[in-house]
Amino acid sequence: MFAKEFFLIFTTPAFYSAAKIVPFVALSYIFFIGYSFLGHPLFMNKKTKYLPIISGTAAIINIILNIIFIPKYGMFAAAATTALSFFIMAVLAGIFSRKISGFNMEYRRILAIFFVGIGLFLISNYLNFGIVINIILKVLILVVYPFCLLLIKFYSLKEIKHIKYYIRKYIGVIQ
């Protein structure tokens, strides 16, 4: 979210265009974490034989897409295909884990977190008020994120009770 401002503050104009690939790199790491989490039941059930299928499939797709798109789109294609490959790994790990252990994720909630985050990120990308104002607005967007989840009824009643409890607890500490 702050890549543009980071590059403007800490680099020279020769590197500014690299800020555009940072979201793809960050997304790659998010998908890799998803793969690690969703693949955990494979390790717990000693079914690691599926891991080469998962990573091999993603690697082959990545190589093919890189051959097709890097000549025309360069580093942007490499970053995007890497993100897609990690997404494929996460999906396949989820499929195999569910098949092996009945492991079931709350996919609606995961998608809600993802799409609200992507939406706020896209909004932040269109800010163009100068470095300081952009940073302030982006921080505000991050603060708004959990409230956006509240608006779409993401939280359970139990989670809302816990949130209220901790807010009261920490406000009491501050006062």
N, C-alpha and C. Protein backbone atom coordinates (compact mmCIF):
# COMPACT_ATOMS: atom_id res chain seq x y z
N MET A 1 0.82 -1.18 0.00
CA MET A 1 0.00 0.00 0.00
C MET A 1 0.87 1.26 0.00
N PHE A 2 2.01 1.20 0.63
CA PHE A 2 2.88 2.37 0.74
C PHE A 2 4.10 2.28 -0.20
N ALA A 3 4.06 1.38 -1.17
CA ALA A 3 5.22 1.18 -2.05
C ALA A 3 5.58 2.45 -2.81
N LYS A 4 4.58 3.12 -3.37
CA LYS A 4 4.83 4.33 -4.16
C LYS A 4 5.55 5.38 -3.30
N GLU A 5 5.05 5.60 -2.10
CA GLU A 5 5.65 6.59 -1.20
C GLU A 5 7.05 6.16 -0.78
N PHE A 6 7.22 4.88 -0.51
CA PHE A 6 8.53 4.36 -0.13
C PHE A 6 9.55 4.64 -1.24
N PHE A 7 9.18 4.31 -2.47
CA PHE A 7 10.10 4.50 -3.58
C PHE A 7 10.38 5.98 -3.82
N LEU A 8 9.37 6.82 -3.65
CA LEU A 8 9.58 8.27 -3.84
C LEU A 8 10.51 8.85 -2.78
N ILE A 9 10.43 8.34 -1.57
CA ILE A 9 11.26 8.86 -0.48
C ILE A 9 12.67 8.29 -0.50
N PHE A 10 12.78 6.98 -0.74
CA PHE A 10 14.06 6.31 -0.53
C PHE A 10 14.84 5.94 -1.79
N THR A 11 14.28 6.17 -2.97
CA THR A 11 15.02 5.81 -4.19
C THR A 11 15.07 6.99 -5.14
N THR A 12 15.65 6.73 -6.29
CA THR A 12 15.74 7.75 -7.34
C THR A 12 14.72 7.44 -8.43
N PRO A 13 14.46 8.40 -9.32
CA PRO A 13 13.47 8.17 -10.38
C PRO A 13 13.71 6.91 -11.22
N ALA A 14 14.94 6.47 -11.31
CA ALA A 14 15.24 5.27 -12.09
C ALA A 14 14.53 4.03 -11.54
N PHE A 15 14.17 4.06 -10.25
CA PHE A 15 13.56 2.90 -9.61
C PHE A 15 12.06 3.04 -9.36
N TYR A 16 11.48 4.18 -9.67
CA TYR A 16 10.07 4.43 -9.35
C TYR A 16 9.13 3.40 -9.97
N SER A 17 9.40 2.96 -11.18
CA SER A 17 8.49 2.00 -11.83
C SER A 17 8.45 0.66 -11.10
N ALA A 18 9.48 0.35 -10.33
CA ALA A 18 9.51 -0.91 -9.59
C ALA A 18 8.43 -0.96 -8.52
N ALA A 19 7.96 0.20 -8.08
CA ALA A 19 6.90 0.23 -7.07
C ALA A 19 5.64 -0.47 -7.57
N LYS A 20 5.47 -0.51 -8.88
CA LYS A 20 4.26 -1.12 -9.45
C LYS A 20 4.24 -2.65 -9.31
N ILE A 21 5.40 -3.27 -9.10
CA ILE A 21 5.40 -4.73 -8.95
C ILE A 21 5.29 -5.16 -7.49
N VAL A 22 5.49 -4.23 -6.57
CA VAL A 22 5.43 -4.58 -5.14
C VAL A 22 4.10 -5.23 -4.76
N PRO A 23 2.95 -4.74 -5.23
CA PRO A 23 1.69 -5.43 -4.87
C PRO A 23 1.66 -6.89 -5.30
N PHE A 24 2.24 -7.19 -6.46
CA PHE A 24 2.26 -8.59 -6.91
C PHE A 24 3.17 -9.44 -6.03
N VAL A 25 4.29 -8.86 -5.61
CA VAL A 25 5.20 -9.58 -4.72
C VAL A 25 4.53 -9.80 -3.37
N ALA A 26 3.87 -8.77 -2.85
CA ALA A 26 3.17 -8.91 -1.57
C ALA A 26 2.06 -9.95 -1.67
N LEU A 27 1.32 -9.92 -2.76
CA LEU A 27 0.25 -10.89 -2.99
C LEU A 27 0.82 -12.31 -3.06
N SER A 28 1.99 -12.44 -3.68
CA SER A 28 2.65 -13.75 -3.75
C SER A 28 2.90 -14.30 -2.35
N TYR A 29 3.38 -13.44 -1.46
CA TYR A 29 3.64 -13.89 -0.09
C TYR A 29 2.35 -14.25 0.64
N ILE A 30 1.29 -13.50 0.40
CA ILE A 30 -0.01 -13.83 1.02
C ILE A 30 -0.46 -15.20 0.55
N PHE A 31 -0.36 -15.46 -0.75
CA PHE A 31 -0.76 -16.76 -1.28
C PHE A 31 0.15 -17.87 -0.77
N PHE A 32 1.45 -17.58 -0.62
CA PHE A 32 2.36 -18.59 -0.10
C PHE A 32 2.02 -18.94 1.35
N ILE A 33 1.65 -17.94 2.13
CA ILE A 33 1.22 -18.20 3.51
C ILE A 33 -0.04 -19.07 3.48
N GLY A 34 -0.95 -18.78 2.55
CA GLY A 34 -2.14 -19.61 2.40
C GLY A 34 -1.79 -21.04 2.06
N TYR A 35 -0.82 -21.20 1.16
CA TYR A 35 -0.36 -22.54 0.79
C TYR A 35 0.22 -23.25 2.02
N SER A 36 1.05 -22.56 2.79
CA SER A 36 1.66 -23.16 3.98
C SER A 36 0.60 -23.58 4.98
N PHE A 37 -0.39 -22.72 5.19
CA PHE A 37 -1.45 -23.02 6.14
C PHE A 37 -2.33 -24.16 5.64
N LEU A 38 -2.75 -24.07 4.40
CA LEU A 38 -3.65 -25.09 3.85
C LEU A 38 -2.94 -26.43 3.65
N GLY A 39 -1.64 -26.40 3.45
CA GLY A 39 -0.88 -27.63 3.27
C GLY A 39 -0.51 -28.33 4.55
N HIS A 40 -0.70 -27.67 5.67
CA HIS A 40 -0.32 -28.25 6.96
C HIS A 40 -0.95 -29.61 7.23
N PRO A 41 -2.24 -29.81 6.93
CA PRO A 41 -2.82 -31.15 7.16
C PRO A 41 -2.11 -32.25 6.37
N LEU A 42 -1.50 -31.92 5.25
CA LEU A 42 -0.76 -32.93 4.49
C LEU A 42 0.44 -33.42 5.30
N PHE A 43 1.09 -32.50 6.00
CA PHE A 43 2.23 -32.89 6.84
C PHE A 43 1.73 -33.68 8.07
N MET A 44 0.65 -33.19 8.66
CA MET A 44 0.12 -33.83 9.87
C MET A 44 -0.34 -35.26 9.59
N ASN A 45 -0.85 -35.50 8.39
CA ASN A 45 -1.34 -36.84 8.01
C ASN A 45 -0.30 -37.64 7.22
N LYS A 46 0.92 -37.15 7.19
CA LYS A 46 2.03 -37.82 6.49
C LYS A 46 1.69 -38.14 5.04
N LYS A 47 1.09 -37.16 4.38
CA LYS A 47 0.73 -37.29 2.97
C LYS A 47 1.51 -36.28 2.13
N THR A 48 2.79 -36.18 2.43
CA THR A 48 3.64 -35.20 1.72
C THR A 48 3.89 -35.58 0.26
N LYS A 49 3.45 -36.76 -0.13
CA LYS A 49 3.61 -37.16 -1.53
C LYS A 49 2.86 -36.22 -2.47
N TYR A 50 1.89 -35.47 -1.95
CA TYR A 50 1.13 -34.52 -2.77
C TYR A 50 1.88 -33.20 -3.00
N LEU A 51 2.86 -32.93 -2.18
CA LEU A 51 3.57 -31.65 -2.30
C LEU A 51 4.29 -31.47 -3.64
N PRO A 52 4.96 -32.50 -4.16
CA PRO A 52 5.57 -32.32 -5.49
C PRO A 52 4.53 -32.08 -6.59
N ILE A 53 3.37 -32.67 -6.46
CA ILE A 53 2.30 -32.43 -7.44
C ILE A 53 1.87 -30.97 -7.38
N ILE A 54 1.70 -30.48 -6.15
CA ILE A 54 1.26 -29.10 -5.96
C ILE A 54 2.30 -28.12 -6.49
N SER A 55 3.53 -28.25 -6.00
CA SER A 55 4.57 -27.28 -6.40
C SER A 55 4.98 -27.49 -7.86
N GLY A 56 4.98 -28.72 -8.32
CA GLY A 56 5.35 -28.99 -9.72
C GLY A 56 4.33 -28.40 -10.68
N THR A 57 3.05 -28.54 -10.38
CA THR A 57 2.00 -27.96 -11.23
C THR A 57 2.16 -26.45 -11.31
N ALA A 58 2.34 -25.83 -10.14
CA ALA A 58 2.49 -24.37 -10.10
C ALA A 58 3.76 -23.93 -10.85
N ALA A 59 4.83 -24.69 -10.69
CA ALA A 59 6.09 -24.33 -11.36
C ALA A 59 5.96 -24.42 -12.88
N ILE A 60 5.33 -25.48 -13.35
CA ILE A 60 5.15 -25.64 -14.81
C ILE A 60 4.29 -24.51 -15.37
N ILE A 61 3.21 -24.20 -14.68
CA ILE A 61 2.35 -23.09 -15.13
C ILE A 61 3.12 -21.78 -15.11
N ASN A 62 3.90 -21.56 -14.08
CA ASN A 62 4.70 -20.33 -13.98
C ASN A 62 5.69 -20.23 -15.14
N ILE A 63 6.39 -21.30 -15.42
CA ILE A 63 7.38 -21.29 -16.51
C ILE A 63 6.70 -21.01 -17.85
N ILE A 64 5.60 -21.69 -18.11
CA ILE A 64 4.89 -21.48 -19.39
C ILE A 64 4.41 -20.04 -19.51
N LEU A 65 3.80 -19.52 -18.45
CA LEU A 65 3.31 -18.14 -18.50
C LEU A 65 4.47 -17.13 -18.62
N ASN A 66 5.58 -17.42 -17.96
CA ASN A 66 6.74 -16.53 -18.08
C ASN A 66 7.27 -16.51 -19.52
N ILE A 67 7.34 -17.67 -20.13
CA ILE A 67 7.82 -17.74 -21.53
C ILE A 67 6.89 -16.94 -22.44
N ILE A 68 5.59 -17.01 -22.18
CA ILE A 68 4.62 -16.29 -23.02
C ILE A 68 4.64 -14.79 -22.76
N PHE A 69 4.65 -14.38 -21.49
CA PHE A 69 4.38 -12.98 -21.16
C PHE A 69 5.59 -12.11 -20.84
N ILE A 70 6.70 -12.67 -20.37
CA ILE A 70 7.85 -11.83 -20.01
C ILE A 70 8.41 -11.08 -21.21
N PRO A 71 8.51 -11.69 -22.40
CA PRO A 71 9.06 -10.91 -23.52
C PRO A 71 8.28 -9.62 -23.80
N LYS A 72 6.97 -9.63 -23.57
CA LYS A 72 6.17 -8.44 -23.86
C LYS A 72 6.01 -7.52 -22.65
N TYR A 73 5.85 -8.11 -21.43
CA TYR A 73 5.50 -7.31 -20.26
C TYR A 73 6.59 -7.25 -19.19
N GLY A 74 7.70 -7.95 -19.40
CA GLY A 74 8.86 -7.85 -18.51
C GLY A 74 8.60 -8.21 -17.07
N MET A 75 9.14 -7.36 -16.18
CA MET A 75 9.08 -7.67 -14.74
C MET A 75 7.65 -7.73 -14.21
N PHE A 76 6.74 -7.03 -14.83
CA PHE A 76 5.34 -7.07 -14.39
C PHE A 76 4.75 -8.46 -14.61
N ALA A 77 5.07 -9.06 -15.75
CA ALA A 77 4.60 -10.42 -16.04
C ALA A 77 5.22 -11.41 -15.06
N ALA A 78 6.49 -11.26 -14.79
CA ALA A 78 7.16 -12.18 -13.86
C ALA A 78 6.52 -12.10 -12.48
N ALA A 79 6.25 -10.91 -12.02
CA ALA A 79 5.63 -10.74 -10.70
C ALA A 79 4.20 -11.29 -10.68
N ALA A 80 3.43 -11.01 -11.72
CA ALA A 80 2.04 -11.47 -11.77
C ALA A 80 1.96 -12.99 -11.89
N THR A 81 2.81 -13.59 -12.71
CA THR A 81 2.76 -15.05 -12.86
C THR A 81 3.22 -15.76 -11.59
N THR A 82 4.14 -15.14 -10.87
CA THR A 82 4.57 -15.71 -9.59
C THR A 82 3.41 -15.68 -8.60
N ALA A 83 2.70 -14.56 -8.54
CA ALA A 83 1.53 -14.48 -7.65
C ALA A 83 0.49 -15.54 -8.03
N LEU A 84 0.24 -15.67 -9.31
CA LEU A 84 -0.72 -16.68 -9.78
C LEU A 84 -0.27 -18.09 -9.41
N SER A 85 1.01 -18.36 -9.54
CA SER A 85 1.54 -19.69 -9.20
C SER A 85 1.37 -20.00 -7.72
N PHE A 86 1.63 -19.03 -6.86
CA PHE A 86 1.42 -19.24 -5.43
C PHE A 86 -0.06 -19.41 -5.10
N PHE A 87 -0.92 -18.71 -5.83
CA PHE A 87 -2.36 -18.88 -5.66
C PHE A 87 -2.76 -20.32 -6.02
N ILE A 88 -2.23 -20.82 -7.12
CA ILE A 88 -2.50 -22.19 -7.54
C ILE A 88 -2.03 -23.18 -6.47
N MET A 89 -0.86 -22.92 -5.91
CA MET A 89 -0.35 -23.79 -4.84
C MET A 89 -1.30 -23.80 -3.64
N ALA A 90 -1.81 -22.62 -3.26
CA ALA A 90 -2.73 -22.54 -2.12
C ALA A 90 -4.02 -23.30 -2.41
N VAL A 91 -4.56 -23.13 -3.61
CA VAL A 91 -5.80 -23.81 -3.97
C VAL A 91 -5.60 -25.32 -3.98
N LEU A 92 -4.53 -25.79 -4.60
CA LEU A 92 -4.27 -27.23 -4.65
C LEU A 92 -4.02 -27.80 -3.26
N ALA A 93 -3.30 -27.07 -2.42
CA ALA A 93 -3.07 -27.54 -1.04
C ALA A 93 -4.40 -27.66 -0.30
N GLY A 94 -5.29 -26.70 -0.52
CA GLY A 94 -6.61 -26.76 0.11
C GLY A 94 -7.41 -27.94 -0.38
N ILE A 95 -7.35 -28.20 -1.67
CA ILE A 95 -8.10 -29.33 -2.24
C ILE A 95 -7.58 -30.66 -1.69
N PHE A 96 -6.27 -30.84 -1.72
CA PHE A 96 -5.70 -32.11 -1.23
C PHE A 96 -5.90 -32.26 0.28
N SER A 97 -5.76 -31.18 1.03
CA SER A 97 -5.93 -31.27 2.48
C SER A 97 -7.36 -31.63 2.84
N ARG A 98 -8.29 -31.07 2.13
CA ARG A 98 -9.71 -31.38 2.38
C ARG A 98 -9.99 -32.85 2.03
N LYS A 99 -9.41 -33.31 0.92
CA LYS A 99 -9.60 -34.69 0.48
C LYS A 99 -9.00 -35.67 1.50
N ILE A 100 -7.83 -35.35 2.01
CA ILE A 100 -7.11 -36.25 2.91
C ILE A 100 -7.70 -36.25 4.32
N SER A 101 -7.98 -35.06 4.84
CA SER A 101 -8.31 -34.97 6.27
C SER A 101 -9.69 -34.38 6.56
N GLY A 102 -10.42 -34.00 5.53
CA GLY A 102 -11.69 -33.34 5.78
C GLY A 102 -11.52 -31.92 6.27
N PHE A 103 -10.30 -31.42 6.19
CA PHE A 103 -9.97 -30.05 6.62
C PHE A 103 -10.80 -29.07 5.81
N ASN A 104 -11.58 -28.25 6.49
CA ASN A 104 -12.46 -27.33 5.80
C ASN A 104 -12.23 -25.91 6.29
N MET A 105 -12.05 -25.02 5.37
CA MET A 105 -11.80 -23.61 5.69
C MET A 105 -13.10 -22.82 5.60
N GLU A 106 -13.12 -21.69 6.26
CA GLU A 106 -14.24 -20.76 6.15
C GLU A 106 -13.97 -19.88 4.93
N TYR A 107 -14.23 -20.41 3.76
CA TYR A 107 -13.86 -19.73 2.53
C TYR A 107 -14.57 -18.40 2.34
N ARG A 108 -15.82 -18.31 2.78
CA ARG A 108 -16.55 -17.05 2.65
C ARG A 108 -15.84 -15.94 3.43
N ARG A 109 -15.37 -16.27 4.61
CA ARG A 109 -14.67 -15.28 5.44
C ARG A 109 -13.31 -14.92 4.84
N ILE A 110 -12.62 -15.92 4.33
CA ILE A 110 -11.31 -15.66 3.71
C ILE A 110 -11.50 -14.75 2.50
N LEU A 111 -12.49 -15.04 1.68
CA LEU A 111 -12.77 -14.20 0.51
C LEU A 111 -13.17 -12.79 0.92
N ALA A 112 -13.93 -12.67 2.01
CA ALA A 112 -14.32 -11.34 2.49
C ALA A 112 -13.09 -10.53 2.89
N ILE A 113 -12.20 -11.14 3.65
CA ILE A 113 -10.96 -10.46 4.05
C ILE A 113 -10.18 -10.04 2.81
N PHE A 114 -10.05 -10.96 1.87
CA PHE A 114 -9.27 -10.72 0.67
C PHE A 114 -9.86 -9.59 -0.17
N PHE A 115 -11.17 -9.68 -0.48
CA PHE A 115 -11.76 -8.71 -1.39
C PHE A 115 -11.93 -7.33 -0.76
N VAL A 116 -12.22 -7.26 0.53
CA VAL A 116 -12.26 -5.94 1.19
C VAL A 116 -10.85 -5.34 1.17
N GLY A 117 -9.85 -6.15 1.45
CA GLY A 117 -8.46 -5.67 1.40
C GLY A 117 -8.06 -5.20 0.02
N ILE A 118 -8.40 -5.97 -1.00
CA ILE A 118 -8.09 -5.58 -2.38
C ILE A 118 -8.81 -4.29 -2.74
N GLY A 119 -10.08 -4.18 -2.34
CA GLY A 119 -10.85 -2.96 -2.64
C GLY A 119 -10.22 -1.73 -2.01
N LEU A 120 -9.84 -1.83 -0.74
CA LEU A 120 -9.20 -0.70 -0.08
C LEU A 120 -7.84 -0.40 -0.69
N PHE A 121 -7.12 -1.45 -1.06
CA PHE A 121 -5.83 -1.24 -1.73
C PHE A 121 -6.02 -0.49 -3.04
N LEU A 122 -7.00 -0.89 -3.83
CA LEU A 122 -7.25 -0.21 -5.11
C LEU A 122 -7.62 1.25 -4.89
N ILE A 123 -8.43 1.52 -3.88
CA ILE A 123 -8.76 2.91 -3.56
C ILE A 123 -7.49 3.67 -3.21
N SER A 124 -6.63 3.06 -2.40
CA SER A 124 -5.40 3.74 -1.99
C SER A 124 -4.46 4.01 -3.16
N ASN A 125 -4.56 3.17 -4.19
CA ASN A 125 -3.70 3.34 -5.36
C ASN A 125 -4.04 4.59 -6.16
N TYR A 126 -5.27 5.07 -6.04
CA TYR A 126 -5.69 6.24 -6.82
C TYR A 126 -5.50 7.55 -6.07
N LEU A 127 -4.93 7.49 -4.87
CA LEU A 127 -4.66 8.72 -4.14
C LEU A 127 -3.48 9.44 -4.78
N ASN A 128 -3.63 10.72 -4.98
CA ASN A 128 -2.56 11.49 -5.62
C ASN A 128 -2.56 12.91 -5.06
N PHE A 129 -2.32 13.03 -3.75
CA PHE A 129 -2.36 14.32 -3.09
C PHE A 129 -1.01 14.77 -2.56
N GLY A 130 0.04 14.09 -2.91
CA GLY A 130 1.36 14.37 -2.35
C GLY A 130 1.71 13.32 -1.32
N ILE A 131 2.99 13.16 -1.06
CA ILE A 131 3.48 12.06 -0.23
C ILE A 131 2.87 12.07 1.17
N VAL A 132 2.93 13.20 1.86
CA VAL A 132 2.48 13.25 3.25
C VAL A 132 0.97 12.99 3.35
N ILE A 133 0.18 13.66 2.53
CA ILE A 133 -1.27 13.46 2.56
C ILE A 133 -1.62 12.02 2.17
N ASN A 134 -0.94 11.48 1.16
CA ASN A 134 -1.19 10.09 0.76
C ASN A 134 -0.91 9.13 1.92
N ILE A 135 0.18 9.33 2.64
CA ILE A 135 0.52 8.45 3.76
C ILE A 135 -0.56 8.54 4.84
N ILE A 136 -0.99 9.75 5.16
CA ILE A 136 -2.04 9.93 6.17
C ILE A 136 -3.33 9.24 5.73
N LEU A 137 -3.72 9.44 4.48
CA LEU A 137 -4.95 8.81 3.98
C LEU A 137 -4.84 7.29 3.94
N LYS A 138 -3.67 6.78 3.60
CA LYS A 138 -3.49 5.33 3.56
C LYS A 138 -3.52 4.73 4.96
N VAL A 139 -2.97 5.44 5.93
CA VAL A 139 -3.07 4.97 7.32
C VAL A 139 -4.54 4.94 7.74
N LEU A 140 -5.29 5.96 7.36
CA LEU A 140 -6.73 5.98 7.67
C LEU A 140 -7.45 4.81 6.99
N ILE A 141 -7.06 4.49 5.77
CA ILE A 141 -7.66 3.34 5.08
C ILE A 141 -7.39 2.05 5.85
N LEU A 142 -6.18 1.91 6.38
CA LEU A 142 -5.87 0.72 7.19
C LEU A 142 -6.72 0.68 8.46
N VAL A 143 -6.94 1.84 9.07
CA VAL A 143 -7.77 1.90 10.27
C VAL A 143 -9.22 1.53 9.95
N VAL A 144 -9.69 1.91 8.77
CA VAL A 144 -11.07 1.66 8.35
C VAL A 144 -11.30 0.18 8.01
N TYR A 145 -10.26 -0.54 7.68
CA TYR A 145 -10.39 -1.93 7.23
C TYR A 145 -11.26 -2.80 8.14
N PRO A 146 -10.99 -2.87 9.45
CA PRO A 146 -11.85 -3.73 10.28
C PRO A 146 -13.31 -3.26 10.33
N PHE A 147 -13.53 -1.96 10.19
CA PHE A 147 -14.90 -1.44 10.20
C PHE A 147 -15.64 -1.81 8.90
N CYS A 148 -14.90 -1.89 7.81
CA CYS A 148 -15.50 -2.37 6.55
C CYS A 148 -15.94 -3.82 6.71
N LEU A 149 -15.12 -4.62 7.39
CA LEU A 149 -15.50 -6.01 7.65
C LEU A 149 -16.75 -6.07 8.54
N LEU A 150 -16.85 -5.15 9.48
CA LEU A 150 -18.03 -5.07 10.33
C LEU A 150 -19.28 -4.76 9.51
N LEU A 151 -19.15 -3.86 8.55
CA LEU A 151 -20.28 -3.48 7.71
C LEU A 151 -20.82 -4.64 6.88
N ILE A 152 -19.94 -5.55 6.49
CA ILE A 152 -20.40 -6.70 5.69
C ILE A 152 -20.72 -7.91 6.57
N LYS A 153 -20.86 -7.65 7.87
CA LYS A 153 -21.23 -8.69 8.84
C LYS A 153 -20.24 -9.86 8.86
N PHE A 154 -18.96 -9.50 8.83
CA PHE A 154 -17.88 -10.49 8.84
C PHE A 154 -17.76 -11.16 10.21
N TYR A 155 -17.84 -10.37 11.26
CA TYR A 155 -17.58 -10.86 12.61
C TYR A 155 -18.80 -11.59 13.19
N SER A 156 -18.52 -12.66 13.93
CA SER A 156 -19.59 -13.36 14.65
C SER A 156 -19.91 -12.55 15.92
N LEU A 157 -21.04 -12.85 16.55
CA LEU A 157 -21.41 -12.16 17.79
C LEU A 157 -20.35 -12.38 18.87
N LYS A 158 -19.82 -13.58 18.92
CA LYS A 158 -18.78 -13.89 19.91
C LYS A 158 -17.53 -13.03 19.66
N GLU A 159 -17.15 -12.87 18.40
CA GLU A 159 -15.99 -12.04 18.06
C GLU A 159 -16.25 -10.58 18.41
N ILE A 160 -17.45 -10.11 18.15
CA ILE A 160 -17.79 -8.72 18.48
C ILE A 160 -17.72 -8.51 19.99
N LYS A 161 -18.19 -9.47 20.77
CA LYS A 161 -18.10 -9.36 22.24
C LYS A 161 -16.65 -9.29 22.69
N HIS A 162 -15.79 -10.12 22.08
CA HIS A 162 -14.37 -10.09 22.42
C HIS A 162 -13.74 -8.75 22.06
N ILE A 163 -14.08 -8.24 20.90
CA ILE A 163 -13.53 -6.95 20.47
C ILE A 163 -13.95 -5.85 21.43
N LYS A 164 -15.23 -5.82 21.79
CA LYS A 164 -15.72 -4.82 22.74
C LYS A 164 -15.01 -4.95 24.08
N TYR A 165 -14.82 -6.17 24.54
CA TYR A 165 -14.13 -6.41 25.81
C TYR A 165 -12.72 -5.81 25.78
N TYR A 166 -11.97 -6.10 24.71
CA TYR A 166 -10.60 -5.61 24.65
C TYR A 166 -10.53 -4.10 24.44
N ILE A 167 -11.47 -3.55 23.74
CA ILE A 167 -11.50 -2.09 23.58
C ILE A 167 -11.72 -1.44 24.94
N ARG A 168 -12.70 -1.94 25.70
CA ARG A 168 -12.97 -1.39 27.03
C ARG A 168 -11.75 -1.58 27.94
N LYS A 169 -11.13 -2.73 27.85
CA LYS A 169 -9.97 -3.03 28.69
C LYS A 169 -8.83 -2.06 28.41
N TYR A 170 -8.54 -1.83 27.14
CA TYR A 170 -7.41 -0.98 26.79
C TYR A 170 -7.73 0.51 26.90
N ILE A 171 -8.99 0.88 26.72
CA ILE A 171 -9.35 2.28 26.96
C ILE A 171 -9.22 2.59 28.44
N GLY A 172 -9.57 1.63 29.29
CA GLY A 172 -9.39 1.81 30.73
C GLY A 172 -7.93 1.96 31.11
N VAL A 173 -7.05 1.25 30.44
CA VAL A 173 -5.61 1.36 30.69
C VAL A 173 -5.09 2.73 30.27
N ILE A 174 -5.60 3.24 29.15
CA ILE A 174 -5.14 4.54 28.63
C ILE A 174 -5.59 5.67 29.56
N GLN A 175 -6.81 5.58 30.07
CA GLN A 175 -7.34 6.65 30.93
C GLN A 175 -6.70 6.53 32.25
